[in-house]
Amino acid sequence: MSLRFREAKTIQAAARLLALRGGRMNYMKLLKLLYIVEREALLTWGRPVTADRCVSLSKGPILSQTLNLINEGPAPDTPSTWAEHISQPENYDVRLLSPAGDDELSEAEKNLIDDVFRRYGETNRWDLVELVHTFPEWQDPDGSALPITYRDILKAGGKSELEIAAILQDIDAVAQADALLPAL
C-alpha cells in the first residue's frame, strides 16, 4: 500500500526552499533539492516528508507529482493550493507568489530543508544533476521514467535487509491507517 501524497507539505517545503533562495529558482533545481530532502528524511527517520512518487528521469531522480504540479498545475476537479503559492514556470524558473506557512512541517523537517539548502542551495542546477546521478538508486531510464521505490533508496543508503523490512512495515501500517481517513 502506498502513502497518500502530502501536497500541503510539498507546497510548504517548496515554498521554504524558494524563500531561502530569494523567491525564485529554476524548477529542475527545486525538484532536485526536494528529492534530496525526501531521500534524506527516508534514510534518517524511515519516513518521507511528501510521500510523493520518486522516479528516475534522464536528468536524475525527481518527485513525480511535484513535477506534475509545476508543469501542469493540479488535476482538474482536484482542490489544490499550489498555484496560490508557486507560479507556473517562466523560462524554467518558478517564483514564490505568497507565503505557504509551515504548520504542516515538523521542526525536524524544517531543519532538514534548511540543512539541504545550506549544503546545496547555491549549487548550479547542472552540478545538482551530476550529484543526483551518483545516487545508487538512480538508473538511466533511456528517455523514459523508472520508478524508484523506498526499498531502492533504503538499500542505496546502506540499510540492512532487516532495517529495510522494519521501515517498510512501518510505512505500510501508516498507509493503511491513512487510507481509513478522508483526504484533506
N, C-alpha and C. Protein backbone atom coordinates (compact mmCIF):
# COMPACT_ATOMS: atom_id res chain seq x y z
N MET A 1 0.85 -1.18 0.00
CA MET A 1 0.00 0.00 0.00
C MET A 1 0.89 1.24 0.00
N SER A 2 0.47 2.27 -0.71
CA SER A 2 1.26 3.50 -0.83
C SER A 2 0.76 4.56 0.14
N LEU A 3 1.69 5.37 0.59
CA LEU A 3 1.32 6.54 1.39
C LEU A 3 0.61 7.54 0.50
N ARG A 4 -0.29 8.30 1.07
CA ARG A 4 -1.00 9.34 0.35
C ARG A 4 -0.07 10.55 0.17
N PHE A 5 0.00 11.06 -1.04
CA PHE A 5 0.80 12.25 -1.35
C PHE A 5 0.38 13.40 -0.45
N ARG A 6 1.35 14.06 0.15
CA ARG A 6 1.10 15.17 1.07
C ARG A 6 1.35 16.50 0.35
N GLU A 7 0.34 16.93 -0.39
CA GLU A 7 0.50 18.14 -1.20
C GLU A 7 0.79 19.37 -0.35
N ALA A 8 0.09 19.53 0.76
CA ALA A 8 0.30 20.71 1.60
C ALA A 8 1.74 20.76 2.12
N LYS A 9 2.28 19.61 2.52
CA LYS A 9 3.67 19.57 2.98
C LYS A 9 4.62 19.86 1.82
N THR A 10 4.28 19.35 0.64
CA THR A 10 5.11 19.57 -0.53
C THR A 10 5.15 21.06 -0.87
N ILE A 11 4.00 21.70 -0.84
CA ILE A 11 3.92 23.14 -1.12
C ILE A 11 4.76 23.91 -0.11
N GLN A 12 4.61 23.56 1.16
CA GLN A 12 5.36 24.28 2.20
C GLN A 12 6.86 24.04 2.09
N ALA A 13 7.26 22.81 1.76
CA ALA A 13 8.69 22.52 1.58
C ALA A 13 9.23 23.30 0.38
N ALA A 14 8.50 23.28 -0.74
CA ALA A 14 8.95 24.01 -1.94
C ALA A 14 8.99 25.51 -1.66
N ALA A 15 7.98 26.03 -0.99
CA ALA A 15 7.94 27.46 -0.68
C ALA A 15 9.09 27.85 0.24
N ARG A 16 9.43 26.98 1.18
CA ARG A 16 10.54 27.26 2.09
C ARG A 16 11.86 27.34 1.31
N LEU A 17 12.07 26.38 0.40
CA LEU A 17 13.28 26.41 -0.42
C LEU A 17 13.31 27.65 -1.30
N LEU A 18 12.17 28.00 -1.89
CA LEU A 18 12.11 29.20 -2.73
C LEU A 18 12.40 30.45 -1.91
N ALA A 19 11.85 30.54 -0.71
CA ALA A 19 12.09 31.71 0.14
C ALA A 19 13.57 31.80 0.51
N LEU A 20 14.18 30.66 0.80
CA LEU A 20 15.61 30.66 1.14
C LEU A 20 16.46 31.12 -0.05
N ARG A 21 15.96 30.91 -1.24
CA ARG A 21 16.67 31.28 -2.48
C ARG A 21 16.30 32.67 -2.95
N GLY A 22 15.50 33.40 -2.19
CA GLY A 22 15.11 34.75 -2.58
C GLY A 22 13.82 34.81 -3.36
N GLY A 23 13.08 33.70 -3.42
CA GLY A 23 11.76 33.71 -4.04
C GLY A 23 11.70 33.22 -5.46
N ARG A 24 12.83 32.85 -6.06
CA ARG A 24 12.84 32.40 -7.46
C ARG A 24 13.91 31.33 -7.62
N MET A 25 13.58 30.29 -8.43
CA MET A 25 14.55 29.21 -8.64
C MET A 25 14.20 28.45 -9.91
N ASN A 26 15.20 27.93 -10.56
CA ASN A 26 14.99 27.03 -11.68
C ASN A 26 14.24 25.81 -11.15
N TYR A 27 13.19 25.41 -11.84
CA TYR A 27 12.37 24.34 -11.28
C TYR A 27 13.07 22.99 -11.26
N MET A 28 14.03 22.75 -12.15
CA MET A 28 14.79 21.50 -12.08
C MET A 28 15.61 21.46 -10.79
N LYS A 29 16.19 22.59 -10.43
CA LYS A 29 16.95 22.67 -9.18
C LYS A 29 16.02 22.44 -7.98
N LEU A 30 14.85 23.06 -8.00
CA LEU A 30 13.89 22.87 -6.92
C LEU A 30 13.53 21.40 -6.79
N LEU A 31 13.28 20.74 -7.91
CA LEU A 31 12.95 19.31 -7.87
C LEU A 31 14.09 18.47 -7.29
N LYS A 32 15.32 18.81 -7.64
CA LYS A 32 16.47 18.06 -7.10
C LYS A 32 16.59 18.28 -5.59
N LEU A 33 16.43 19.52 -5.14
CA LEU A 33 16.51 19.80 -3.71
C LEU A 33 15.40 19.08 -2.95
N LEU A 34 14.20 19.08 -3.49
CA LEU A 34 13.09 18.37 -2.84
C LEU A 34 13.34 16.86 -2.81
N TYR A 35 13.93 16.32 -3.88
CA TYR A 35 14.25 14.90 -3.88
C TYR A 35 15.28 14.59 -2.79
N ILE A 36 16.29 15.43 -2.66
CA ILE A 36 17.31 15.21 -1.64
C ILE A 36 16.68 15.26 -0.25
N VAL A 37 15.77 16.19 -0.03
CA VAL A 37 15.06 16.26 1.26
C VAL A 37 14.31 14.95 1.50
N GLU A 38 13.56 14.50 0.51
CA GLU A 38 12.77 13.27 0.63
C GLU A 38 13.67 12.07 0.93
N ARG A 39 14.76 11.99 0.20
CA ARG A 39 15.71 10.88 0.36
C ARG A 39 16.33 10.89 1.76
N GLU A 40 16.80 12.05 2.18
CA GLU A 40 17.45 12.14 3.49
C GLU A 40 16.47 11.88 4.63
N ALA A 41 15.22 12.31 4.49
CA ALA A 41 14.21 12.02 5.51
C ALA A 41 13.98 10.52 5.62
N LEU A 42 13.87 9.87 4.49
CA LEU A 42 13.65 8.42 4.48
C LEU A 42 14.84 7.68 5.11
N LEU A 43 16.04 8.10 4.77
CA LEU A 43 17.23 7.44 5.31
C LEU A 43 17.45 7.75 6.79
N THR A 44 17.08 8.95 7.21
CA THR A 44 17.31 9.35 8.60
C THR A 44 16.21 8.88 9.53
N TRP A 45 14.96 9.07 9.12
CA TRP A 45 13.83 8.80 10.01
C TRP A 45 13.00 7.59 9.61
N GLY A 46 13.26 7.03 8.43
CA GLY A 46 12.45 5.91 7.97
C GLY A 46 11.08 6.33 7.48
N ARG A 47 10.93 7.59 7.13
CA ARG A 47 9.67 8.09 6.58
C ARG A 47 9.95 9.28 5.68
N PRO A 48 9.17 9.42 4.61
CA PRO A 48 9.37 10.57 3.72
C PRO A 48 8.67 11.81 4.25
N VAL A 49 8.95 12.94 3.65
CA VAL A 49 8.28 14.19 4.00
C VAL A 49 6.99 14.33 3.19
N THR A 50 7.09 14.17 1.88
CA THR A 50 5.96 14.45 0.99
C THR A 50 5.15 13.22 0.58
N ALA A 51 5.75 12.05 0.67
CA ALA A 51 5.15 10.80 0.20
C ALA A 51 4.85 10.85 -1.31
N ASP A 52 5.59 11.65 -2.04
CA ASP A 52 5.47 11.71 -3.49
C ASP A 52 6.12 10.46 -4.08
N ARG A 53 5.76 10.15 -5.32
CA ARG A 53 6.39 9.03 -6.03
C ARG A 53 7.73 9.50 -6.59
N CYS A 54 8.76 8.74 -6.29
CA CYS A 54 10.10 9.05 -6.80
C CYS A 54 10.31 8.31 -8.11
N VAL A 55 10.89 9.00 -9.09
CA VAL A 55 11.18 8.38 -10.37
C VAL A 55 12.55 8.82 -10.88
N SER A 56 13.16 7.93 -11.66
CA SER A 56 14.40 8.26 -12.36
C SER A 56 14.05 8.83 -13.72
N LEU A 57 14.55 10.02 -14.01
CA LEU A 57 14.47 10.61 -15.34
C LEU A 57 15.89 10.78 -15.84
N SER A 58 16.05 11.16 -17.08
CA SER A 58 17.40 11.28 -17.64
C SER A 58 18.25 12.28 -16.88
N LYS A 59 17.63 13.32 -16.33
CA LYS A 59 18.39 14.32 -15.58
C LYS A 59 18.40 14.02 -14.08
N GLY A 60 18.11 12.77 -13.73
CA GLY A 60 18.20 12.36 -12.33
C GLY A 60 16.86 12.11 -11.70
N PRO A 61 16.88 11.71 -10.43
CA PRO A 61 15.63 11.41 -9.73
C PRO A 61 14.86 12.68 -9.38
N ILE A 62 13.54 12.55 -9.39
CA ILE A 62 12.66 13.67 -9.03
C ILE A 62 11.43 13.12 -8.31
N LEU A 63 10.61 14.04 -7.81
CA LEU A 63 9.32 13.71 -7.22
C LEU A 63 8.26 13.91 -8.30
N SER A 64 7.59 12.84 -8.69
CA SER A 64 6.73 12.82 -9.86
C SER A 64 5.52 13.76 -9.78
N GLN A 65 4.76 13.68 -8.69
CA GLN A 65 3.56 14.51 -8.59
C GLN A 65 3.92 15.99 -8.45
N THR A 66 5.06 16.25 -7.84
CA THR A 66 5.52 17.64 -7.74
C THR A 66 5.86 18.18 -9.12
N LEU A 67 6.53 17.38 -9.94
CA LEU A 67 6.80 17.79 -11.32
C LEU A 67 5.50 18.07 -12.05
N ASN A 68 4.49 17.23 -11.85
CA ASN A 68 3.19 17.46 -12.50
C ASN A 68 2.58 18.78 -12.04
N LEU A 69 2.67 19.09 -10.74
CA LEU A 69 2.13 20.36 -10.25
C LEU A 69 2.86 21.54 -10.89
N ILE A 70 4.17 21.42 -11.04
CA ILE A 70 4.95 22.50 -11.65
C ILE A 70 4.58 22.68 -13.11
N ASN A 71 4.53 21.59 -13.84
CA ASN A 71 4.31 21.66 -15.29
C ASN A 71 2.86 21.84 -15.69
N GLU A 72 1.95 21.21 -14.95
CA GLU A 72 0.56 21.17 -15.40
C GLU A 72 -0.41 21.80 -14.43
N GLY A 73 0.03 22.07 -13.21
CA GLY A 73 -0.90 22.51 -12.18
C GLY A 73 -1.67 21.33 -11.64
N PRO A 74 -2.61 21.55 -10.74
CA PRO A 74 -3.37 20.45 -10.17
C PRO A 74 -4.26 19.79 -11.21
N ALA A 75 -4.59 18.53 -10.96
CA ALA A 75 -5.50 17.81 -11.85
C ALA A 75 -6.87 18.48 -11.83
N PRO A 76 -7.61 18.43 -12.94
CA PRO A 76 -8.95 19.03 -12.96
C PRO A 76 -9.82 18.42 -11.86
N ASP A 77 -10.66 19.25 -11.29
CA ASP A 77 -11.58 18.83 -10.22
C ASP A 77 -10.87 18.34 -8.96
N THR A 78 -9.60 18.73 -8.80
CA THR A 78 -8.85 18.38 -7.60
C THR A 78 -8.49 19.65 -6.87
N PRO A 79 -8.95 19.79 -5.64
CA PRO A 79 -8.59 21.02 -4.91
C PRO A 79 -7.08 21.07 -4.67
N SER A 80 -6.50 22.23 -4.91
CA SER A 80 -5.06 22.40 -4.75
C SER A 80 -4.77 23.87 -4.44
N THR A 81 -3.76 24.07 -3.64
CA THR A 81 -3.35 25.44 -3.36
C THR A 81 -1.98 25.75 -3.96
N TRP A 82 -1.44 24.83 -4.75
CA TRP A 82 -0.12 25.02 -5.35
C TRP A 82 -0.04 26.37 -6.06
N ALA A 83 -0.99 26.63 -6.96
CA ALA A 83 -0.95 27.84 -7.79
C ALA A 83 -1.15 29.12 -6.98
N GLU A 84 -1.67 29.02 -5.77
CA GLU A 84 -1.79 30.20 -4.91
C GLU A 84 -0.43 30.64 -4.38
N HIS A 85 0.49 29.69 -4.29
CA HIS A 85 1.78 29.95 -3.65
C HIS A 85 2.98 29.92 -4.60
N ILE A 86 2.89 29.10 -5.65
CA ILE A 86 4.04 28.91 -6.53
C ILE A 86 3.59 29.07 -7.98
N SER A 87 4.34 29.89 -8.71
CA SER A 87 3.97 30.19 -10.10
C SER A 87 4.21 29.01 -11.02
N GLN A 88 3.56 29.07 -12.16
CA GLN A 88 3.91 28.16 -13.25
C GLN A 88 5.29 28.59 -13.76
N PRO A 89 6.03 27.69 -14.41
CA PRO A 89 7.37 28.05 -14.89
C PRO A 89 7.35 29.18 -15.92
N GLU A 90 8.30 30.07 -15.79
CA GLU A 90 8.57 31.13 -16.76
C GLU A 90 10.06 31.06 -17.04
N ASN A 91 10.42 30.71 -18.27
CA ASN A 91 11.83 30.50 -18.61
C ASN A 91 12.49 29.52 -17.64
N TYR A 92 11.77 28.46 -17.31
CA TYR A 92 12.24 27.36 -16.45
C TYR A 92 12.40 27.74 -14.98
N ASP A 93 11.97 28.93 -14.60
CA ASP A 93 12.00 29.35 -13.19
C ASP A 93 10.58 29.35 -12.64
N VAL A 94 10.49 29.04 -11.35
CA VAL A 94 9.24 29.22 -10.62
C VAL A 94 9.48 30.28 -9.55
N ARG A 95 8.40 30.97 -9.18
CA ARG A 95 8.50 32.04 -8.19
C ARG A 95 7.55 31.75 -7.03
N LEU A 96 7.95 32.20 -5.88
CA LEU A 96 7.09 32.15 -4.71
C LEU A 96 6.11 33.32 -4.83
N LEU A 97 4.82 33.01 -4.94
CA LEU A 97 3.80 34.05 -5.10
C LEU A 97 3.31 34.58 -3.76
N SER A 98 3.22 33.69 -2.78
CA SER A 98 2.78 34.09 -1.45
C SER A 98 3.30 33.07 -0.45
N PRO A 99 3.50 33.48 0.80
CA PRO A 99 3.96 32.54 1.81
C PRO A 99 2.98 31.37 1.96
N ALA A 100 3.51 30.17 2.16
CA ALA A 100 2.67 28.98 2.28
C ALA A 100 2.55 28.51 3.73
N GLY A 101 3.21 29.21 4.64
CA GLY A 101 3.18 28.77 6.03
C GLY A 101 4.10 27.58 6.24
N ASP A 102 4.08 27.06 7.44
CA ASP A 102 4.92 25.90 7.73
C ASP A 102 4.29 24.97 8.77
N ASP A 103 2.98 25.11 8.97
CA ASP A 103 2.30 24.33 10.00
C ASP A 103 2.20 22.84 9.70
N GLU A 104 2.36 22.45 8.46
CA GLU A 104 2.33 21.03 8.10
C GLU A 104 3.68 20.35 8.34
N LEU A 105 4.74 21.14 8.41
CA LEU A 105 6.10 20.61 8.56
C LEU A 105 6.48 20.56 10.03
N SER A 106 7.11 19.46 10.44
CA SER A 106 7.63 19.38 11.80
C SER A 106 8.89 20.23 11.90
N GLU A 107 9.32 20.50 13.11
CA GLU A 107 10.57 21.24 13.30
C GLU A 107 11.73 20.49 12.67
N ALA A 108 11.75 19.17 12.82
CA ALA A 108 12.83 18.37 12.23
C ALA A 108 12.82 18.49 10.71
N GLU A 109 11.62 18.49 10.10
CA GLU A 109 11.53 18.62 8.64
C GLU A 109 12.00 20.00 8.20
N LYS A 110 11.60 21.04 8.93
CA LYS A 110 12.06 22.39 8.58
C LYS A 110 13.59 22.46 8.68
N ASN A 111 14.15 21.88 9.73
CA ASN A 111 15.60 21.88 9.88
C ASN A 111 16.29 21.11 8.76
N LEU A 112 15.69 20.00 8.34
CA LEU A 112 16.27 19.22 7.24
C LEU A 112 16.23 20.03 5.94
N ILE A 113 15.12 20.68 5.65
CA ILE A 113 15.01 21.51 4.45
C ILE A 113 16.06 22.61 4.48
N ASP A 114 16.19 23.27 5.63
CA ASP A 114 17.19 24.33 5.77
C ASP A 114 18.60 23.78 5.59
N ASP A 115 18.86 22.60 6.14
CA ASP A 115 20.19 21.98 6.02
C ASP A 115 20.49 21.62 4.57
N VAL A 116 19.52 21.04 3.88
CA VAL A 116 19.73 20.71 2.46
C VAL A 116 20.00 21.98 1.67
N PHE A 117 19.27 23.05 1.97
CA PHE A 117 19.52 24.31 1.26
C PHE A 117 20.91 24.85 1.59
N ARG A 118 21.31 24.77 2.86
CA ARG A 118 22.67 25.24 3.23
C ARG A 118 23.74 24.50 2.44
N ARG A 119 23.55 23.21 2.27
CA ARG A 119 24.55 22.41 1.57
C ARG A 119 24.50 22.55 0.05
N TYR A 120 23.30 22.70 -0.51
CA TYR A 120 23.16 22.63 -1.97
C TYR A 120 22.46 23.82 -2.60
N GLY A 121 21.98 24.76 -1.81
CA GLY A 121 21.19 25.87 -2.34
C GLY A 121 21.92 26.76 -3.33
N GLU A 122 23.22 26.86 -3.19
CA GLU A 122 24.00 27.69 -4.11
C GLU A 122 24.63 26.87 -5.24
N THR A 123 24.34 25.58 -5.25
CA THR A 123 24.90 24.70 -6.27
C THR A 123 24.16 24.91 -7.60
N ASN A 124 24.92 25.00 -8.67
CA ASN A 124 24.36 25.13 -10.02
C ASN A 124 23.47 23.92 -10.31
N ARG A 125 22.37 24.15 -11.04
CA ARG A 125 21.43 23.05 -11.30
C ARG A 125 22.08 21.89 -12.03
N TRP A 126 23.03 22.17 -12.91
CA TRP A 126 23.68 21.08 -13.65
C TRP A 126 24.62 20.29 -12.74
N ASP A 127 25.23 20.97 -11.77
CA ASP A 127 26.04 20.25 -10.78
C ASP A 127 25.15 19.39 -9.89
N LEU A 128 23.93 19.86 -9.60
CA LEU A 128 22.98 19.05 -8.84
C LEU A 128 22.56 17.81 -9.64
N VAL A 129 22.39 17.98 -10.95
CA VAL A 129 22.08 16.82 -11.81
C VAL A 129 23.21 15.81 -11.70
N GLU A 130 24.44 16.28 -11.79
CA GLU A 130 25.59 15.36 -11.66
C GLU A 130 25.60 14.69 -10.29
N LEU A 131 25.29 15.45 -9.24
CA LEU A 131 25.26 14.88 -7.89
C LEU A 131 24.22 13.77 -7.79
N VAL A 132 22.99 14.03 -8.20
CA VAL A 132 21.95 13.02 -8.03
C VAL A 132 22.16 11.82 -8.96
N HIS A 133 22.93 12.00 -10.02
CA HIS A 133 23.29 10.85 -10.86
C HIS A 133 24.20 9.88 -10.11
N THR A 134 24.84 10.35 -9.05
CA THR A 134 25.71 9.46 -8.26
C THR A 134 24.93 8.67 -7.22
N PHE A 135 23.66 9.00 -6.99
CA PHE A 135 22.86 8.25 -6.02
C PHE A 135 22.62 6.85 -6.59
N PRO A 136 22.95 5.81 -5.83
CA PRO A 136 22.85 4.44 -6.36
C PRO A 136 21.45 4.03 -6.81
N GLU A 137 20.40 4.65 -6.27
CA GLU A 137 19.05 4.27 -6.66
C GLU A 137 18.66 4.81 -8.03
N TRP A 138 19.41 5.79 -8.55
CA TRP A 138 19.09 6.35 -9.86
C TRP A 138 19.57 5.40 -10.95
N GLN A 139 18.72 5.18 -11.93
CA GLN A 139 19.07 4.40 -13.12
C GLN A 139 18.72 5.24 -14.34
N ASP A 140 19.58 5.22 -15.33
CA ASP A 140 19.28 5.96 -16.56
C ASP A 140 18.07 5.31 -17.22
N PRO A 141 16.99 6.05 -17.38
CA PRO A 141 15.77 5.47 -17.94
C PRO A 141 15.75 5.44 -19.46
N ASP A 142 16.84 5.90 -20.09
CA ASP A 142 16.94 5.88 -21.54
C ASP A 142 15.75 6.57 -22.20
N GLY A 143 15.49 7.79 -21.75
CA GLY A 143 14.43 8.60 -22.35
C GLY A 143 13.06 8.35 -21.77
N SER A 144 12.93 7.47 -20.84
CA SER A 144 11.64 7.16 -20.23
C SER A 144 11.67 7.60 -18.76
N ALA A 145 10.91 6.94 -17.93
CA ALA A 145 10.90 7.18 -16.49
C ALA A 145 10.83 5.83 -15.79
N LEU A 146 11.65 5.65 -14.76
CA LEU A 146 11.65 4.41 -14.00
C LEU A 146 11.30 4.72 -12.54
N PRO A 147 10.42 3.92 -11.95
CA PRO A 147 10.08 4.17 -10.55
C PRO A 147 11.28 3.90 -9.64
N ILE A 148 11.37 4.68 -8.57
CA ILE A 148 12.34 4.45 -7.50
C ILE A 148 11.52 4.14 -6.26
N THR A 149 11.69 2.96 -5.71
CA THR A 149 10.92 2.58 -4.53
C THR A 149 11.65 3.00 -3.26
N TYR A 150 10.90 3.01 -2.17
CA TYR A 150 11.54 3.28 -0.88
C TYR A 150 12.62 2.24 -0.61
N ARG A 151 12.36 0.99 -0.98
CA ARG A 151 13.36 -0.07 -0.81
C ARG A 151 14.65 0.29 -1.55
N ASP A 152 14.51 0.79 -2.78
CA ASP A 152 15.69 1.19 -3.57
C ASP A 152 16.51 2.24 -2.82
N ILE A 153 15.84 3.24 -2.29
CA ILE A 153 16.53 4.33 -1.59
C ILE A 153 17.19 3.80 -0.31
N LEU A 154 16.44 3.01 0.45
CA LEU A 154 16.97 2.48 1.71
C LEU A 154 18.18 1.57 1.45
N LYS A 155 18.08 0.74 0.43
CA LYS A 155 19.21 -0.14 0.09
C LYS A 155 20.41 0.69 -0.35
N ALA A 156 20.17 1.68 -1.20
CA ALA A 156 21.25 2.56 -1.68
C ALA A 156 21.88 3.32 -0.53
N GLY A 157 21.10 3.60 0.51
CA GLY A 157 21.59 4.33 1.68
C GLY A 157 22.29 3.44 2.69
N GLY A 158 22.44 2.16 2.37
CA GLY A 158 23.21 1.26 3.24
C GLY A 158 22.42 0.59 4.34
N LYS A 159 21.10 0.65 4.28
CA LYS A 159 20.29 -0.01 5.30
C LYS A 159 20.34 -1.53 5.09
N SER A 160 20.32 -2.28 6.18
CA SER A 160 20.32 -3.75 6.10
C SER A 160 18.93 -4.23 5.69
N GLU A 161 18.84 -5.47 5.25
CA GLU A 161 17.53 -6.04 4.86
C GLU A 161 16.57 -6.02 6.04
N LEU A 162 17.08 -6.25 7.24
CA LEU A 162 16.24 -6.22 8.43
C LEU A 162 15.71 -4.80 8.68
N GLU A 163 16.57 -3.80 8.57
CA GLU A 163 16.15 -2.41 8.74
C GLU A 163 15.14 -2.02 7.66
N ILE A 164 15.42 -2.42 6.43
CA ILE A 164 14.51 -2.10 5.31
C ILE A 164 13.14 -2.71 5.57
N ALA A 165 13.11 -3.97 5.97
CA ALA A 165 11.82 -4.63 6.22
C ALA A 165 11.04 -3.92 7.33
N ALA A 166 11.72 -3.51 8.40
CA ALA A 166 11.05 -2.83 9.51
C ALA A 166 10.51 -1.47 9.07
N ILE A 167 11.31 -0.72 8.32
CA ILE A 167 10.87 0.60 7.84
C ILE A 167 9.68 0.45 6.90
N LEU A 168 9.76 -0.48 5.97
CA LEU A 168 8.66 -0.67 5.02
C LEU A 168 7.39 -1.15 5.72
N GLN A 169 7.54 -1.95 6.77
CA GLN A 169 6.39 -2.39 7.54
C GLN A 169 5.74 -1.20 8.25
N ASP A 170 6.56 -0.32 8.81
CA ASP A 170 6.02 0.88 9.46
C ASP A 170 5.32 1.79 8.45
N ILE A 171 5.92 1.98 7.29
CA ILE A 171 5.31 2.82 6.25
C ILE A 171 3.99 2.21 5.80
N ASP A 172 3.94 0.90 5.65
CA ASP A 172 2.71 0.23 5.23
C ASP A 172 1.62 0.40 6.28
N ALA A 173 1.98 0.31 7.56
CA ALA A 173 0.99 0.49 8.64
C ALA A 173 0.43 1.92 8.60
N VAL A 174 1.29 2.90 8.38
CA VAL A 174 0.83 4.29 8.28
C VAL A 174 -0.08 4.45 7.06
N ALA A 175 0.30 3.84 5.94
CA ALA A 175 -0.51 3.94 4.72
C ALA A 175 -1.89 3.31 4.93
N GLN A 176 -1.94 2.18 5.64
CA GLN A 176 -3.22 1.55 5.89
C GLN A 176 -4.11 2.41 6.79
N ALA A 177 -3.52 2.98 7.82
CA ALA A 177 -4.28 3.87 8.69
C ALA A 177 -4.72 5.13 7.93
N ASP A 178 -3.83 5.65 7.10
CA ASP A 178 -4.13 6.84 6.32
C ASP A 178 -5.29 6.59 5.35
N ALA A 179 -5.37 5.38 4.81
CA ALA A 179 -6.42 5.05 3.87
C ALA A 179 -7.81 5.09 4.50
N LEU A 180 -7.86 4.95 5.83
CA LEU A 180 -9.13 4.99 6.54
C LEU A 180 -9.63 6.40 6.77
N LEU A 181 -8.71 7.38 6.63
CA LEU A 181 -9.06 8.78 6.87
C LEU A 181 -9.44 9.47 5.57
N PRO A 182 -10.34 10.44 5.64
CA PRO A 182 -10.67 11.17 4.41
C PRO A 182 -9.49 12.03 3.97
N ALA A 183 -9.36 12.21 2.68
CA ALA A 183 -8.31 13.10 2.14
C ALA A 183 -8.65 14.52 2.52
N LEU A 184 -7.63 15.28 2.87
CA LEU A 184 -7.86 16.68 3.25
C LEU A 184 -7.62 17.60 2.10
